[in-house]
Amino acid sequence: MDDYTEYVGYAASLFVLISFVMKKMMQLRVVNIIGCGFFIWYGFLLVSWPIIITNSAIVVVNIFYITKMVLVLKKK
């Protein structure tokens, strides 16, 4: 494993950790998407399909809820 691979994994973990302490749901989901993006990158570097699939699914769920929040805000 290359050194940069570990750094991508650390960045992914950091972003996901930061998302857990956020109070605003929109910011939480955006930061979590960034963390998942790093995890997807990390998964490709390791050729680990469980990491890639799980984090891709989490991105889809986050986008779904962000879209739902935006639509609710537009109705107000």
N, C-alpha and C. Protein backbone atom coordinates (compact mmCIF):
# COMPACT_ATOMS: atom_id res chain seq x y z
N MET A 1 0.85 -1.17 0.00
CA MET A 1 0.00 0.00 0.00
C MET A 1 0.89 1.24 0.00
N ASP A 2 0.59 2.18 -0.87
CA ASP A 2 1.36 3.42 -0.95
C ASP A 2 1.00 4.33 0.21
N ASP A 3 1.92 5.24 0.54
CA ASP A 3 1.68 6.18 1.63
C ASP A 3 0.43 7.02 1.39
N TYR A 4 0.24 7.47 0.15
CA TYR A 4 -0.91 8.33 -0.13
C TYR A 4 -2.23 7.58 0.05
N THR A 5 -2.23 6.27 -0.11
CA THR A 5 -3.44 5.49 0.11
C THR A 5 -3.90 5.62 1.56
N GLU A 6 -2.96 5.55 2.48
CA GLU A 6 -3.30 5.72 3.89
C GLU A 6 -3.85 7.12 4.15
N TYR A 7 -3.24 8.12 3.53
CA TYR A 7 -3.72 9.49 3.72
C TYR A 7 -5.14 9.68 3.22
N VAL A 8 -5.48 9.03 2.12
CA VAL A 8 -6.86 9.09 1.61
C VAL A 8 -7.80 8.45 2.63
N GLY A 9 -7.39 7.34 3.21
CA GLY A 9 -8.20 6.68 4.25
C GLY A 9 -8.36 7.55 5.48
N TYR A 10 -7.28 8.21 5.90
CA TYR A 10 -7.36 9.11 7.06
C TYR A 10 -8.28 10.30 6.77
N ALA A 11 -8.17 10.86 5.57
CA ALA A 11 -9.03 11.99 5.19
C ALA A 11 -10.50 11.56 5.21
N ALA A 12 -10.77 10.37 4.68
CA ALA A 12 -12.14 9.85 4.67
C ALA A 12 -12.67 9.74 6.09
N SER A 13 -11.88 9.16 6.96
CA SER A 13 -12.29 8.98 8.35
C SER A 13 -12.50 10.32 9.04
N LEU A 14 -11.64 11.28 8.77
CA LEU A 14 -11.76 12.60 9.38
C LEU A 14 -13.06 13.28 8.96
N PHE A 15 -13.37 13.26 7.68
CA PHE A 15 -14.60 13.91 7.21
C PHE A 15 -15.84 13.23 7.80
N VAL A 16 -15.85 11.92 7.84
CA VAL A 16 -17.00 11.21 8.41
C VAL A 16 -17.12 11.53 9.90
N LEU A 17 -16.00 11.55 10.61
CA LEU A 17 -16.01 11.89 12.03
C LEU A 17 -16.55 13.30 12.25
N ILE A 18 -16.08 14.25 11.46
CA ILE A 18 -16.57 15.63 11.56
C ILE A 18 -18.07 15.68 11.32
N SER A 19 -18.56 14.90 10.37
CA SER A 19 -20.00 14.93 10.08
C SER A 19 -20.83 14.46 11.27
N PHE A 20 -20.27 13.57 12.10
CA PHE A 20 -21.00 13.08 13.26
C PHE A 20 -21.19 14.13 14.35
N VAL A 21 -20.36 15.16 14.39
CA VAL A 21 -20.48 16.17 15.44
C VAL A 21 -21.20 17.43 14.96
N MET A 22 -21.65 17.44 13.73
CA MET A 22 -22.35 18.61 13.19
C MET A 22 -23.82 18.59 13.61
N LYS A 23 -24.37 19.78 13.80
CA LYS A 23 -25.76 19.89 14.24
C LYS A 23 -26.71 20.20 13.08
N LYS A 24 -26.25 20.94 12.08
CA LYS A 24 -27.11 21.29 10.95
C LYS A 24 -27.12 20.12 9.96
N MET A 25 -28.31 19.62 9.69
CA MET A 25 -28.44 18.41 8.89
C MET A 25 -27.90 18.57 7.47
N MET A 26 -28.11 19.71 6.84
CA MET A 26 -27.63 19.90 5.47
C MET A 26 -26.11 19.85 5.43
N GLN A 27 -25.46 20.57 6.35
CA GLN A 27 -24.00 20.56 6.40
C GLN A 27 -23.47 19.17 6.72
N LEU A 28 -24.15 18.48 7.63
CA LEU A 28 -23.76 17.12 8.00
C LEU A 28 -23.74 16.23 6.77
N ARG A 29 -24.79 16.29 5.98
CA ARG A 29 -24.89 15.43 4.81
C ARG A 29 -23.85 15.77 3.75
N VAL A 30 -23.57 17.06 3.56
CA VAL A 30 -22.56 17.47 2.57
C VAL A 30 -21.18 17.00 3.01
N VAL A 31 -20.84 17.21 4.27
CA VAL A 31 -19.53 16.77 4.77
C VAL A 31 -19.44 15.25 4.72
N ASN A 32 -20.53 14.56 5.02
CA ASN A 32 -20.54 13.10 4.95
C ASN A 32 -20.34 12.62 3.52
N ILE A 33 -20.94 13.31 2.55
CA ILE A 33 -20.73 12.96 1.14
C ILE A 33 -19.26 13.11 0.77
N ILE A 34 -18.62 14.16 1.26
CA ILE A 34 -17.19 14.35 0.99
C ILE A 34 -16.40 13.18 1.58
N GLY A 35 -16.72 12.82 2.82
CA GLY A 35 -16.05 11.69 3.46
C GLY A 35 -16.28 10.40 2.70
N CYS A 36 -17.50 10.18 2.26
CA CYS A 36 -17.80 8.98 1.47
C CYS A 36 -17.05 8.98 0.15
N GLY A 37 -16.91 10.17 -0.44
CA GLY A 37 -16.13 10.28 -1.68
C GLY A 37 -14.69 9.84 -1.47
N PHE A 38 -14.11 10.27 -0.35
CA PHE A 38 -12.75 9.82 -0.03
C PHE A 38 -12.72 8.32 0.21
N PHE A 39 -13.76 7.78 0.89
CA PHE A 39 -13.79 6.34 1.12
C PHE A 39 -13.94 5.56 -0.19
N ILE A 40 -14.71 6.11 -1.12
CA ILE A 40 -14.85 5.45 -2.43
C ILE A 40 -13.49 5.44 -3.14
N TRP A 41 -12.80 6.56 -3.10
CA TRP A 41 -11.46 6.65 -3.68
C TRP A 41 -10.54 5.64 -3.00
N TYR A 42 -10.59 5.60 -1.68
CA TYR A 42 -9.79 4.65 -0.89
C TYR A 42 -10.13 3.20 -1.29
N GLY A 43 -11.41 2.93 -1.47
CA GLY A 43 -11.83 1.60 -1.89
C GLY A 43 -11.27 1.21 -3.25
N PHE A 44 -11.23 2.17 -4.17
CA PHE A 44 -10.64 1.88 -5.48
C PHE A 44 -9.14 1.66 -5.37
N LEU A 45 -8.48 2.43 -4.51
CA LEU A 45 -7.04 2.24 -4.33
C LEU A 45 -6.73 0.85 -3.75
N LEU A 46 -7.62 0.37 -2.88
CA LEU A 46 -7.43 -0.95 -2.27
C LEU A 46 -8.08 -2.07 -3.08
N VAL A 47 -8.86 -1.68 -4.09
CA VAL A 47 -9.69 -2.62 -4.85
C VAL A 47 -10.58 -3.41 -3.89
N SER A 48 -11.32 -2.64 -3.07
CA SER A 48 -12.20 -3.23 -2.07
C SER A 48 -13.65 -2.86 -2.40
N TRP A 49 -14.35 -3.81 -3.02
CA TRP A 49 -15.73 -3.55 -3.43
C TRP A 49 -16.68 -3.29 -2.26
N PRO A 50 -16.52 -3.92 -1.11
CA PRO A 50 -17.42 -3.59 0.00
C PRO A 50 -17.33 -2.11 0.41
N ILE A 51 -16.13 -1.56 0.43
CA ILE A 51 -15.97 -0.14 0.76
C ILE A 51 -16.62 0.73 -0.31
N ILE A 52 -16.38 0.40 -1.56
CA ILE A 52 -16.92 1.19 -2.68
C ILE A 52 -18.44 1.14 -2.69
N ILE A 53 -19.01 -0.03 -2.58
CA ILE A 53 -20.47 -0.20 -2.67
C ILE A 53 -21.17 0.46 -1.49
N THR A 54 -20.67 0.22 -0.28
CA THR A 54 -21.31 0.78 0.91
C THR A 54 -21.31 2.30 0.87
N ASN A 55 -20.17 2.89 0.58
CA ASN A 55 -20.08 4.35 0.58
C ASN A 55 -20.82 4.97 -0.60
N SER A 56 -20.88 4.29 -1.72
CA SER A 56 -21.69 4.77 -2.84
C SER A 56 -23.17 4.80 -2.46
N ALA A 57 -23.61 3.76 -1.76
CA ALA A 57 -25.00 3.72 -1.30
C ALA A 57 -25.29 4.84 -0.31
N ILE A 58 -24.34 5.12 0.58
CA ILE A 58 -24.52 6.21 1.55
C ILE A 58 -24.61 7.56 0.83
N VAL A 59 -23.82 7.75 -0.22
CA VAL A 59 -23.90 8.98 -1.01
C VAL A 59 -25.29 9.12 -1.62
N VAL A 60 -25.83 8.05 -2.17
CA VAL A 60 -27.17 8.08 -2.77
C VAL A 60 -28.21 8.45 -1.71
N VAL A 61 -28.12 7.86 -0.53
CA VAL A 61 -29.06 8.17 0.55
C VAL A 61 -28.93 9.64 0.95
N ASN A 62 -27.71 10.12 1.10
CA ASN A 62 -27.52 11.53 1.46
C ASN A 62 -28.09 12.47 0.40
N ILE A 63 -27.86 12.16 -0.87
CA ILE A 63 -28.40 13.00 -1.94
C ILE A 63 -29.92 12.96 -1.92
N PHE A 64 -30.50 11.81 -1.66
CA PHE A 64 -31.96 11.70 -1.57
C PHE A 64 -32.50 12.64 -0.49
N TYR A 65 -31.90 12.61 0.70
CA TYR A 65 -32.39 13.45 1.79
C TYR A 65 -32.08 14.93 1.58
N ILE A 66 -30.96 15.24 0.94
CA ILE A 66 -30.68 16.65 0.62
C ILE A 66 -31.72 17.16 -0.37
N THR A 67 -32.04 16.37 -1.37
CA THR A 67 -33.07 16.76 -2.34
C THR A 67 -34.40 16.97 -1.65
N LYS A 68 -34.73 16.08 -0.75
CA LYS A 68 -35.98 16.19 -0.01
C LYS A 68 -36.01 17.48 0.83
N MET A 69 -34.88 17.81 1.48
CA MET A 69 -34.81 19.04 2.28
C MET A 69 -34.95 20.27 1.40
N VAL A 70 -34.30 20.26 0.24
CA VAL A 70 -34.36 21.41 -0.67
C VAL A 70 -35.79 21.60 -1.18
N LEU A 71 -36.47 20.52 -1.51
CA LEU A 71 -37.86 20.63 -1.99
C LEU A 71 -38.78 21.17 -0.89
N VAL A 72 -38.57 20.78 0.34
CA VAL A 72 -39.37 21.29 1.45
C VAL A 72 -39.10 22.78 1.64
N LEU A 73 -37.85 23.19 1.53
CA LEU A 73 -37.52 24.61 1.67
C LEU A 73 -38.10 25.45 0.54
N LYS A 74 -38.17 24.90 -0.66
CA LYS A 74 -38.73 25.64 -1.80
C LYS A 74 -40.23 25.84 -1.63
N LYS A 75 -40.91 24.93 -0.95
CA LYS A 75 -42.35 25.05 -0.76
C LYS A 75 -42.70 26.15 0.24
N LYS A 76 -41.76 26.51 1.10
CA LYS A 76 -42.04 27.53 2.13
C LYS A 76 -42.00 28.92 1.58
